[in-house]
């Protein structure tokens, strides 16, 4: 396909009528035996029509769009945005950390400018509504209005009816305001971390299908469409690929799996090819292919404290405020007391008799599971507190995620065995590590994703822990995920990333926390 004078596309084909009958602004301009050349006006409507006819047309976005925002797009982000503008129903399967959110924002903004889209509904996990989508909209399209639909049914309804151009809502919030969404005039629905929709038998999938059915545009984002099994792709394909509409789950399972026993199935040799065809149209970039990406991406995932955590967190702050009156605060006791707040955020706290009080920490655990599922390679999870490590390991075992622990209570021989297995064999997929046990020189390059379950207060410990997979032998760009549920955690992560090690900063942070 040729572009002439930045205005016309010249398409070579043996069946010119397929184009001329569908696109008014087109005509045959040349014929050489059975091959024809068709000139087509290069506009968005014409490029979309050519794409639907299986002619690989470029999007005029590449010619017309002024990339908005504070940051310049990487080349793969431009290609992704261009692809999305040509496909009303599509999947973006790029790995986590490749900047899918920005690509979607730019593509949606362009469609808005072209009059194709008026409102966008973003459906995503609770933890990234603000820390990813709301913040990225401010970075890349600050001229667009944006609102987060969260809280009570009344609060959500008010946001949806506000007329905001971008509305962000979590998956489990859809049912609360189903009718308001369906009446909200959303032309484009975006589902981020769309593995949440892999099973069409669930209430969540059926609810999403209902609220998105009337929207002409639907984009699903996930880096792991079939992470655990080829059948995981079925729910996504049913939403995007019309050819899947009449297929039942059992039929799809029989195409991609074969039965070993009553309860055991295994992938067929051609299952990857079948899944690939089912998940079309789609675009995918891996981090190793994105040469212009920074080597380490930092991502914040906000996790609200549960009601139980909030209650005890505030009670502890009140107690600290009382004890701080007339007390000389040093860096040492500031760190100790901040750690108490961090322990509550993590799910367990040690009382004055060395006993352990456990809290409902389901929100944080669910986000950890989400990040693991989205990761394409192995994962390191840094957890500062011993009892929290035990809670997390039980959860991973329950979800059949192979794991091992490196902590002070694990012998050096067992640690060495775990590291060797992690580096050289498929299992364990996850290492749960107490940061102080991530010794200098330890190499864990089989992982390219680090999850900080909670921050530490030592810059040196933080940097040394992150260096476990940022070292020779690492073949993939890395992602560091900070999980934060409280203001003190957010501030500590900021200090750590800025390499602020001044002890007075720790004291100031403690004072601010108890005075706020």
Protein backbone atom coordinates (compact mmCIF):
# COMPACT_ATOMS: atom_id res chain seq x y z
CA UNK A 1 0.00 0.00 0.00
CA UNK A 2 1.32 3.41 -0.99
CA UNK A 3 0.59 6.86 0.42
CA UNK A 4 0.43 9.56 -2.25
CA UNK A 5 0.87 13.23 -1.31
CA UNK A 6 -0.23 12.40 2.25
CA UNK A 7 -3.84 12.33 1.00
CA UNK A 8 -4.45 9.13 -0.98
CA UNK A 9 -3.88 5.43 -0.33
CA UNK A 10 -3.17 3.26 -3.37
CA UNK A 11 -4.21 -0.36 -2.80
CA UNK A 12 -3.25 -3.30 -5.01
CA UNK A 13 -5.90 -6.01 -5.31
CA UNK A 14 -7.38 -8.57 -7.66
CA UNK A 15 -10.91 -7.73 -6.47
CA UNK A 16 -11.30 -3.94 -6.65
CA UNK A 17 -15.07 -4.12 -6.24
CA UNK A 18 -14.60 -5.15 -2.62
CA UNK A 19 -13.24 -1.65 -2.02
CA UNK A 20 -15.21 0.49 -4.45
CA UNK A 21 -18.58 -0.93 -3.37
CA UNK A 22 -17.89 -0.17 0.29
CA UNK A 23 -15.88 3.07 0.16
CA UNK A 24 -17.50 5.95 -1.83
CA UNK A 25 -14.26 7.93 -1.96
CA UNK A 26 -12.38 5.35 -4.03
CA UNK A 27 -11.83 4.46 -7.71
CA UNK A 28 -9.82 2.13 -9.89
CA UNK A 29 -6.88 4.01 -11.37
CA UNK A 30 -4.81 1.28 -12.98
CA UNK A 31 -4.92 -2.31 -14.18
CA UNK A 32 -2.12 -4.71 -15.03
CA UNK A 33 -3.64 -8.00 -16.19
CA UNK A 34 -5.53 -9.31 -13.13
CA UNK A 35 -4.03 -6.82 -10.70
CA UNK A 36 -5.78 -3.52 -10.04
CA UNK A 37 -4.76 -0.37 -8.24
CA UNK A 38 -7.47 1.44 -6.31
CA UNK A 39 -7.08 4.99 -5.06
CA UNK A 40 -8.75 5.64 -1.71
CA UNK A 41 -9.10 8.95 0.14
CA UNK A 42 -6.93 8.71 3.26
CA UNK A 43 -9.38 9.54 6.01
CA UNK A 44 -10.22 7.77 9.24
CA UNK A 45 -13.49 6.31 7.95
CA UNK A 46 -11.79 4.98 4.82
CA UNK A 47 -8.84 3.54 6.77
CA UNK A 48 -11.26 1.77 9.15
CA UNK A 49 -13.18 0.34 6.18
CA UNK A 50 -9.98 -0.94 4.55
CA UNK A 51 -8.95 -2.53 7.83
CA UNK A 52 -12.29 -4.33 8.13
CA UNK A 53 -11.75 -5.63 4.57
CA UNK A 54 -8.36 -7.07 5.68
CA UNK A 55 -6.30 -4.47 3.82
CA UNK A 56 -3.56 -3.25 6.22
CA UNK A 57 -4.21 0.49 6.08
CA UNK A 58 -2.31 3.07 8.14
CA UNK A 59 -4.32 5.27 10.46
CA UNK A 60 -4.41 8.99 9.57
CA UNK A 61 -3.76 9.53 13.27
CA UNK A 62 -0.06 9.19 12.37
CA UNK A 63 -0.47 12.16 10.03
CA UNK A 64 -2.90 14.40 11.89
CA UNK A 65 -2.58 13.90 15.65
CA UNK A 66 -0.65 16.23 17.91
CA UNK A 67 0.47 13.97 20.74
CA UNK A 68 -0.79 15.63 23.89
CA UNK A 69 0.51 15.52 27.45
CA UNK A 70 3.67 15.92 29.44
CA UNK A 71 5.58 12.99 27.94
CA UNK A 72 6.44 12.02 24.38
CA UNK A 73 5.12 8.66 23.17
CA UNK A 74 7.47 5.77 22.47
CA UNK A 75 7.33 4.32 18.96
CA UNK A 76 5.45 1.19 20.11
CA UNK A 77 2.88 3.38 21.88
CA UNK A 78 2.25 5.30 18.66
CA UNK A 79 1.80 2.04 16.76
CA UNK A 80 -0.59 0.74 19.41
CA UNK A 81 -2.67 3.92 19.39
CA UNK A 82 -2.86 3.90 15.59
CA UNK A 83 -3.96 0.24 15.62
CA UNK A 84 -6.73 0.91 18.16
CA UNK A 85 -8.20 3.79 16.13
CA UNK A 86 -8.76 1.40 13.21
CA UNK A 87 -10.47 -1.38 15.17
CA UNK A 88 -13.73 -0.84 17.01
CA UNK A 89 -13.35 -4.13 18.87
CA UNK A 90 -9.76 -5.10 19.64
CA UNK A 91 -7.31 -6.45 22.18
CA UNK A 92 -4.05 -4.90 23.32
CA UNK A 93 -1.99 -7.82 24.62
CA UNK A 94 1.26 -5.97 25.32
CA UNK A 95 3.16 -6.92 28.45
CA UNK A 96 2.71 -5.05 31.69
CA UNK A 97 4.97 -2.01 31.84
CA UNK A 98 4.83 -1.17 28.13
CA UNK A 99 2.54 1.85 28.54
CA UNK A 100 -0.81 0.51 27.31
CA UNK A 101 -2.76 3.08 29.31
CA UNK A 102 -1.16 6.04 27.54
CA UNK A 103 -1.74 4.46 24.12
CA UNK A 104 -5.43 4.04 24.87
CA UNK A 105 -5.75 7.62 26.13
CA UNK A 106 -4.14 9.05 22.99
CA UNK A 107 -6.24 6.85 20.69
CA UNK A 108 -9.45 7.81 22.51
CA UNK A 109 -8.51 11.50 22.44
CA UNK A 110 -7.95 11.32 18.67
CA UNK A 111 -11.31 9.60 18.13
CA UNK A 112 -12.96 12.32 20.22
CA UNK A 113 -11.37 15.01 18.08
CA UNK A 114 -12.62 13.23 14.97
CA UNK A 115 -16.16 13.04 16.37
CA UNK A 116 -16.18 9.24 16.52
CA UNK A 117 -16.34 9.00 20.31
CA UNK A 118 -17.89 11.30 22.93
CA UNK A 119 -17.54 9.39 26.21
CA UNK A 120 -15.23 6.64 27.45
CA UNK A 121 -15.90 4.17 30.24
CA UNK A 122 -12.76 2.60 31.74
CA UNK A 123 -13.36 -0.56 33.75
CA UNK A 124 -10.37 -1.73 35.80
CA UNK A 125 -9.34 -3.16 39.19
CA UNK A 126 -9.89 -0.89 42.16
CA UNK A 127 -6.15 -0.54 42.78
CA UNK A 128 -5.39 1.24 39.49
CA UNK A 129 -8.41 3.54 39.15
CA UNK A 130 -6.51 6.51 40.56
CA UNK A 131 -2.86 5.46 40.59
CA UNK A 132 -2.86 4.49 36.90
CA UNK A 133 -5.86 5.78 34.98
CA UNK A 134 -6.70 9.06 36.69
CA UNK A 135 -3.04 10.07 36.99
CA UNK A 136 -2.25 9.06 33.39
CA UNK A 137 -5.23 10.99 32.06
CA UNK A 138 -3.84 14.06 33.78
CA UNK A 139 -0.40 13.36 32.27
CA UNK A 140 -1.48 12.62 28.71
CA UNK A 141 -4.86 14.32 28.20
CA UNK A 142 -5.27 16.99 30.85
CA UNK A 143 -7.67 18.84 28.54
CA UNK A 144 -10.20 16.02 28.96
CA UNK A 145 -12.57 15.79 31.93
CA UNK A 146 -12.20 12.71 34.07
CA UNK A 147 -14.04 11.29 37.11
CA UNK A 148 -13.74 8.18 39.27
CA UNK A 149 -17.02 6.39 40.03
CA UNK A 150 -16.46 4.92 43.47
CA UNK A 151 -18.21 4.77 46.82
CA UNK A 152 -21.96 4.52 47.35
CA UNK A 153 -24.46 3.87 44.58
CA UNK A 154 -25.52 7.52 44.82
CA UNK A 155 -21.94 8.76 44.48
CA UNK A 156 -21.27 6.49 41.50
CA UNK A 157 -24.49 7.50 39.80
CA UNK A 158 -23.67 11.18 40.24
CA UNK A 159 -20.28 10.72 38.56
CA UNK A 160 -21.74 8.82 35.61
CA UNK A 161 -24.40 11.49 35.08
CA UNK A 162 -21.86 14.30 35.41
CA UNK A 163 -20.98 14.25 31.74
CA UNK A 164 -17.25 13.62 32.35
CA UNK A 165 -15.59 12.50 29.13
CA UNK A 166 -13.69 9.69 30.89
CA UNK A 167 -15.37 7.76 33.70
CA UNK A 168 -13.32 5.19 35.62
CA UNK A 169 -15.03 2.39 37.55
CA UNK A 170 -14.00 -0.96 39.03
CA UNK A 171 -15.39 -4.28 37.78
CA UNK A 172 -17.43 -5.02 40.88
CA UNK A 173 -18.96 -1.52 40.78
CA UNK A 174 -20.70 -2.09 37.44
CA UNK A 175 -23.70 -3.88 38.90
CA UNK A 176 -24.39 -1.05 41.34
CA UNK A 177 -25.00 1.45 38.52
CA UNK A 178 -25.77 -0.84 35.59
CA UNK A 179 -28.69 1.17 34.20
CA UNK A 180 -26.96 4.52 34.62
CA UNK A 181 -24.01 3.22 32.59
CA UNK A 182 -26.26 1.83 29.87
CA UNK A 183 -27.99 5.22 29.65
CA UNK A 184 -24.73 7.16 29.95
CA UNK A 185 -23.88 7.46 26.26
CA UNK A 186 -20.52 5.70 26.43
CA UNK A 187 -19.25 5.13 22.88
CA UNK A 188 -16.04 3.40 23.98
CA UNK A 189 -15.59 0.87 26.77
CA UNK A 190 -12.05 -0.08 27.88
CA UNK A 191 -11.42 -3.10 30.10
CA UNK A 192 -8.00 -3.01 31.74
CA UNK A 193 -6.45 -6.17 33.21
CA UNK A 194 -9.12 -7.95 31.23
CA UNK A 195 -8.18 -11.40 32.54
CA UNK A 196 -10.92 -10.59 35.04
CA UNK A 197 -13.29 -11.42 32.14
CA UNK A 198 -11.77 -14.77 31.14
CA UNK A 199 -14.72 -16.86 32.35
CA UNK A 200 -18.03 -16.13 30.57
CA UNK A 201 -19.93 -18.15 33.17
CA UNK A 202 -19.27 -15.63 35.93
CA UNK A 203 -21.60 -12.87 37.07
CA UNK A 204 -18.80 -10.34 36.45
CA UNK A 205 -18.47 -11.33 32.77
CA UNK A 206 -22.22 -11.25 32.18
CA UNK A 207 -22.50 -7.84 33.82
CA UNK A 208 -19.66 -6.44 31.71
CA UNK A 209 -21.20 -7.88 28.56
CA UNK A 210 -24.53 -6.23 29.41
CA UNK A 211 -23.13 -2.75 30.07
CA UNK A 212 -20.76 -2.78 27.07
CA UNK A 213 -23.17 -4.27 24.52
CA UNK A 214 -24.52 -0.93 23.30
CA UNK A 215 -21.08 0.69 22.90
CA UNK A 216 -19.71 0.48 19.34
CA UNK A 217 -16.10 0.58 20.56
CA UNK A 218 -14.60 -2.03 22.92
CA UNK A 219 -10.91 -2.46 23.75
CA UNK A 220 -9.61 -5.14 26.13
CA UNK A 221 -6.15 -4.79 27.71
CA UNK A 222 -4.13 -7.63 29.21
CA UNK A 223 -0.59 -8.91 28.89
CA UNK A 224 -1.59 -12.47 29.83
CA UNK A 225 -4.74 -13.54 27.94
CA UNK A 226 -4.17 -17.25 28.55
CA UNK A 227 -1.67 -17.39 31.40
CA UNK A 228 -2.88 -20.57 33.09
CA UNK A 229 -4.71 -22.39 30.31
CA UNK A 230 -5.75 -21.89 26.65
CA UNK A 231 -9.40 -21.87 27.75
CA UNK A 232 -8.75 -18.58 29.61
CA UNK A 233 -8.91 -16.87 26.21
CA UNK A 234 -12.54 -17.88 25.63
CA UNK A 235 -14.21 -15.12 27.65
CA UNK A 236 -12.11 -12.41 25.99
CA UNK A 237 -12.69 -13.80 22.50
CA UNK A 238 -16.45 -13.93 23.07
CA UNK A 239 -16.43 -10.18 23.71
CA UNK A 240 -14.24 -9.05 20.81
CA UNK A 241 -14.35 -11.65 18.04
CA UNK A 242 -17.84 -12.02 16.49
CA UNK A 243 -16.94 -15.42 15.01
CA UNK A 244 -16.86 -16.77 18.58
CA UNK A 245 -20.42 -15.65 19.33
CA UNK A 246 -22.09 -18.96 18.52
CA UNK A 247 -19.45 -21.15 20.17
CA UNK A 248 -20.01 -22.70 23.58
CA UNK A 249 -17.31 -23.11 26.21
CA UNK A 250 -17.23 -26.87 25.81
CA UNK A 251 -16.68 -26.57 22.07
CA UNK A 252 -13.78 -24.17 22.54
CA UNK A 253 -12.25 -26.32 25.29
CA UNK A 254 -12.38 -29.37 23.02
CA UNK A 255 -10.57 -27.41 20.28
CA UNK A 256 -7.67 -26.33 22.49
CA UNK A 257 -7.48 -29.10 25.13
CA UNK A 258 -7.69 -32.88 25.31
CA UNK A 259 -8.87 -34.95 28.25
CA UNK A 260 -6.35 -36.96 30.25
CA UNK A 261 -8.71 -38.11 33.00
CA UNK A 262 -12.05 -37.15 34.49
CA UNK A 263 -10.67 -33.92 35.97
CA UNK A 264 -7.44 -33.40 34.04
CA UNK A 265 -6.99 -31.64 30.70
CA UNK A 266 -3.87 -30.73 28.72
CA UNK A 267 -3.33 -28.22 25.87
CA UNK A 268 -3.43 -29.55 22.32
CA UNK A 269 -0.26 -29.01 20.22
CA UNK A 270 -2.00 -26.40 18.06
CA UNK A 271 -3.74 -24.61 20.96
CA UNK A 272 -1.52 -21.50 20.70
CA UNK A 273 -2.44 -21.01 17.04
CA UNK A 274 -6.15 -21.46 17.79
CA UNK A 275 -6.00 -18.99 20.68
CA UNK A 276 -4.11 -16.53 18.48
CA UNK A 277 -6.84 -16.65 15.84
CA UNK A 278 -9.60 -16.35 18.42
CA UNK A 279 -8.01 -13.24 19.96
CA UNK A 280 -8.12 -11.07 16.85
CA UNK A 281 -7.80 -8.26 16.04
CA UNK A 282 -4.97 -7.75 18.51
CA UNK A 283 -1.62 -6.04 18.95
CA UNK A 284 1.19 -7.10 21.28
CA UNK A 285 4.57 -5.74 22.29
CA UNK A 286 6.88 -7.41 24.76
CA UNK A 287 9.09 -5.33 27.01
CA UNK A 288 12.23 -6.78 25.44
CA UNK A 289 11.03 -5.53 22.03
CA UNK A 290 10.48 -1.97 23.24
CA UNK A 291 14.02 -0.70 22.85
CA UNK A 292 13.02 2.82 23.83
CA UNK A 293 11.53 1.83 27.20
CA UNK A 294 13.45 2.74 30.34
CA UNK A 295 15.19 -0.27 31.87
CA UNK A 296 13.15 -0.10 35.08
CA UNK A 297 9.50 0.97 35.21
CA UNK A 298 8.01 1.99 38.59
CA UNK A 299 4.27 1.46 39.03
CA UNK A 300 2.13 2.44 42.03
CA UNK A 301 -0.91 0.32 42.90
CA UNK A 302 -3.24 1.97 45.40
CA UNK A 303 -5.10 -0.44 47.69
CA UNK A 304 -7.71 0.93 50.13
CA UNK A 305 -7.36 -0.29 53.69
CA UNK A 306 -10.22 -2.50 54.78
CA UNK A 307 -12.67 -1.20 57.39
CA UNK A 308 -10.92 -3.22 60.09
CA UNK A 309 -7.51 -1.90 59.10
CA UNK A 310 -8.76 1.70 59.08
CA UNK A 311 -10.18 1.36 62.57
CA UNK A 312 -6.94 0.12 64.13
CA UNK A 313 -4.75 2.39 61.99
CA UNK A 314 -6.56 5.47 63.31
CA UNK A 315 -6.52 4.12 66.87
CA UNK A 316 -2.76 3.63 66.68
CA UNK A 317 -2.25 7.14 65.26
CA UNK A 318 -4.27 8.57 68.16
CA UNK A 319 -2.16 6.63 70.65
CA UNK A 320 1.03 7.87 69.00
CA UNK A 321 -0.23 11.44 69.08
CA UNK A 322 -0.83 11.20 72.84
CA UNK A 323 2.54 9.57 73.60
CA UNK A 324 4.39 12.08 71.39
CA UNK A 325 3.37 14.99 73.62
CA UNK A 326 6.53 16.01 75.49
CA UNK A 327 8.51 13.12 73.97
CA UNK A 328 11.80 13.60 72.15
CA UNK A 329 11.40 11.86 68.82
CA UNK A 330 14.51 10.26 67.38
CA UNK A 331 14.98 8.57 64.02
CA UNK A 332 15.08 5.20 65.81
CA UNK A 333 11.75 5.48 67.63
CA UNK A 334 10.17 7.21 64.60
CA UNK A 335 11.11 4.19 62.47
CA UNK A 336 9.76 1.78 65.11
CA UNK A 337 6.41 3.56 65.32
CA UNK A 338 6.06 4.00 61.57
CA UNK A 339 6.67 0.26 61.29
CA UNK A 340 3.65 -0.32 63.53
CA UNK A 341 1.49 1.57 61.02
CA UNK A 342 3.04 -0.39 58.18
CA UNK A 343 2.31 -3.66 59.97
CA UNK A 344 -1.39 -2.81 60.10
CA UNK A 345 -1.31 -1.98 56.39
CA UNK A 346 0.30 -5.38 55.76
CA UNK A 347 -2.26 -7.37 57.73
CA UNK A 348 -0.73 -8.19 61.10
CA UNK A 349 0.81 -6.31 64.01
CA UNK A 350 2.79 -7.45 67.02
CA UNK A 351 1.32 -6.42 70.38
CA UNK A 352 3.24 -5.58 73.56
CA UNK A 353 3.41 -9.26 74.58
CA UNK A 354 4.88 -10.35 71.21
CA UNK A 355 1.55 -11.80 70.17
CA UNK A 356 0.21 -11.25 66.66
CA UNK A 357 -3.05 -9.52 65.82
CA UNK A 358 -4.27 -10.31 62.30
CA UNK A 359 -6.43 -8.01 60.17
CA UNK A 360 -8.58 -8.39 57.10
CA UNK A 361 -6.09 -7.64 54.31
CA UNK A 362 -8.06 -9.04 51.37
CA UNK A 363 -7.74 -5.86 49.30
CA UNK A 364 -3.95 -6.01 49.32
CA UNK A 365 -3.80 -9.75 48.72
CA UNK A 366 -6.11 -9.46 45.70
CA UNK A 367 -3.84 -6.85 44.12
CA UNK A 368 -0.79 -9.08 44.63
CA UNK A 369 -2.62 -11.87 42.81
CA UNK A 370 -3.56 -9.48 39.99
CA UNK A 371 0.05 -8.39 39.48
CA UNK A 372 1.32 -11.99 39.51
CA UNK A 373 -1.27 -12.98 36.91
CA UNK A 374 -0.30 -10.05 34.67
CA UNK A 375 3.43 -10.79 34.90
CA UNK A 376 4.88 -12.66 31.93
CA UNK A 377 7.90 -13.99 33.82
CA UNK A 378 8.73 -14.85 37.40
CA UNK A 379 8.02 -12.51 40.32
CA UNK A 380 9.80 -11.35 43.49
CA UNK A 381 7.67 -10.14 46.40
CA UNK A 382 9.42 -8.18 49.13
CA UNK A 383 7.62 -8.38 52.48
CA UNK A 384 9.17 -6.66 55.52
CA UNK A 385 7.38 -8.58 58.29
CA UNK A 386 7.71 -12.27 59.17
CA UNK A 387 4.11 -13.03 60.04
CA UNK A 388 2.88 -11.29 56.89
CA UNK A 389 5.16 -13.59 54.88
CA UNK A 390 3.34 -16.56 56.40
CA UNK A 391 -0.07 -15.09 55.51
CA UNK A 392 1.02 -14.41 51.94
CA UNK A 393 2.52 -17.86 51.45
CA UNK A 394 -0.73 -19.51 52.59
CA UNK A 395 -2.62 -17.42 50.04
CA UNK A 396 -0.29 -18.35 47.17
CA UNK A 397 -0.51 -22.02 48.15
CA UNK A 398 -4.30 -21.78 48.16
CA UNK A 399 -4.23 -20.37 44.60
CA UNK A 400 -1.75 -23.05 43.50
CA UNK A 401 0.98 -20.50 42.72
CA UNK A 402 4.32 -22.20 43.32
CA UNK A 403 6.49 -20.24 45.72
CA UNK A 404 9.44 -20.29 48.08
CA UNK A 405 10.51 -18.06 50.96
CA UNK A 406 13.84 -16.36 51.62
CA UNK A 407 13.87 -14.99 55.15
CA UNK A 408 15.97 -14.96 58.28
CA UNK A 409 14.15 -18.05 59.59
CA UNK A 410 15.09 -20.13 56.52
CA UNK A 411 18.45 -21.91 56.63
CA UNK A 412 21.19 -20.86 54.21
CA UNK A 413 21.10 -24.30 52.54
CA UNK A 414 17.37 -24.06 51.88
CA UNK A 415 17.75 -20.50 50.61
CA UNK A 416 20.45 -21.64 48.17
CA UNK A 417 18.25 -24.50 46.95
CA UNK A 418 15.31 -22.13 46.44
CA UNK A 419 17.43 -19.63 44.49
CA UNK A 420 18.87 -22.36 42.27
CA UNK A 421 15.40 -23.75 41.51
CA UNK A 422 14.04 -20.26 40.87
CA UNK A 423 16.83 -19.45 38.41
CA UNK A 424 17.05 -22.78 36.61
CA UNK A 425 13.64 -24.52 36.70
CA UNK A 426 9.98 -23.56 36.01
CA UNK A 427 9.08 -23.66 39.71
CA UNK A 428 8.82 -21.78 41.97
CA UNK A 429 7.17 -18.97 40.02
CA UNK A 430 7.30 -16.58 42.99
CA UNK A 431 9.90 -15.85 45.65
CA UNK A 432 8.65 -14.20 48.84
CA UNK A 433 11.60 -12.37 50.31
CA UNK A 434 12.23 -10.55 53.56
CA UNK A 435 14.23 -7.55 52.21
CA UNK A 436 17.02 -7.88 54.76
CA UNK A 437 17.57 -11.45 53.51
CA UNK A 438 18.21 -10.29 49.94
CA UNK A 439 21.94 -10.33 50.46
CA UNK A 440 24.51 -8.49 48.39
CA UNK A 441 25.50 -10.56 45.36
CA UNK A 442 22.28 -12.60 45.24
CA UNK A 443 21.18 -13.00 41.60
CA UNK A 444 17.48 -13.48 40.79
CA UNK A 445 17.33 -12.54 37.10
CA UNK A 446 14.65 -15.14 36.28
CA UNK A 447 12.20 -12.50 37.52
CA UNK A 448 11.45 -9.25 35.75
CA UNK A 449 8.70 -8.06 38.12
CA UNK A 450 9.22 -6.93 41.72
CA UNK A 451 6.30 -6.38 44.07
CA UNK A 452 6.85 -4.36 47.21
CA UNK A 453 4.09 -5.62 49.49
CA UNK A 454 4.97 -2.74 51.80
CA UNK A 455 7.89 -0.32 51.99
CA UNK A 456 10.96 -0.50 54.19
CA UNK A 457 12.43 2.59 55.84
CA UNK A 458 16.01 1.94 54.71
CA UNK A 459 17.10 3.32 51.33
CA UNK A 460 20.07 0.94 51.21
CA UNK A 461 17.84 -2.09 51.82
CA UNK A 462 15.40 -0.91 49.17
CA UNK A 463 18.08 -0.35 46.52
CA UNK A 464 19.89 -3.62 47.29
CA UNK A 465 16.61 -5.56 47.09
CA UNK A 466 15.75 -4.07 43.69
CA UNK A 467 19.25 -4.87 42.47
CA UNK A 468 18.60 -8.62 42.84
CA UNK A 469 17.23 -8.80 39.29
CA UNK A 470 18.68 -5.56 37.90
CA UNK A 471 22.07 -7.07 37.17
CA UNK A 472 24.05 -8.89 34.44
CA UNK A 473 22.00 -11.79 33.08
CA UNK A 474 18.71 -9.87 33.07
CA UNK A 475 17.28 -10.09 29.55
CA UNK A 476 14.03 -8.20 30.07
CA UNK A 477 13.13 -4.65 31.11
CA UNK A 478 11.95 -4.67 34.70
CA UNK A 479 8.86 -3.46 36.52
CA UNK A 480 8.82 -2.48 40.19
CA UNK A 481 5.32 -2.37 41.68
CA UNK A 482 4.73 -0.40 44.89
CA UNK A 483 1.58 -1.44 46.76
CA UNK A 484 0.30 1.38 48.92
CA UNK A 485 -2.81 1.68 51.05
CA UNK A 486 -1.98 4.63 53.28
CA UNK A 487 -0.47 8.09 52.95
CA UNK A 488 2.57 7.12 55.01
CA UNK A 489 3.38 4.29 52.58
CA UNK A 490 3.11 6.62 49.59
CA UNK A 491 5.49 9.11 51.24
CA UNK A 492 8.00 6.42 52.18
CA UNK A 493 8.06 5.06 48.62
CA UNK A 494 8.67 8.60 47.38
CA UNK A 495 11.63 8.95 49.77
CA UNK A 496 13.04 5.58 48.72
CA UNK A 497 12.81 6.31 45.00
CA UNK A 498 14.43 9.69 45.56
CA UNK A 499 17.17 7.99 47.62
CA UNK A 500 16.45 10.24 50.59
CA UNK A 501 18.31 8.68 53.51
CA UNK A 502 18.49 11.64 55.87
CA UNK A 503 17.21 10.49 59.26
CA UNK A 504 15.58 13.85 59.90
CA UNK A 505 13.23 13.11 57.01
CA UNK A 506 12.02 10.03 58.85
CA UNK A 507 11.29 12.08 61.95
CA UNK A 508 9.49 14.70 59.86
CA UNK A 509 7.43 11.98 58.20
CA UNK A 510 6.44 10.58 61.59
CA UNK A 511 5.45 14.02 62.90
CA UNK A 512 3.38 14.74 59.79
CA UNK A 513 1.61 11.41 60.13
CA UNK A 514 0.52 11.88 63.73
CA UNK A 515 -0.31 15.58 63.28
CA UNK A 516 -2.48 15.15 60.18
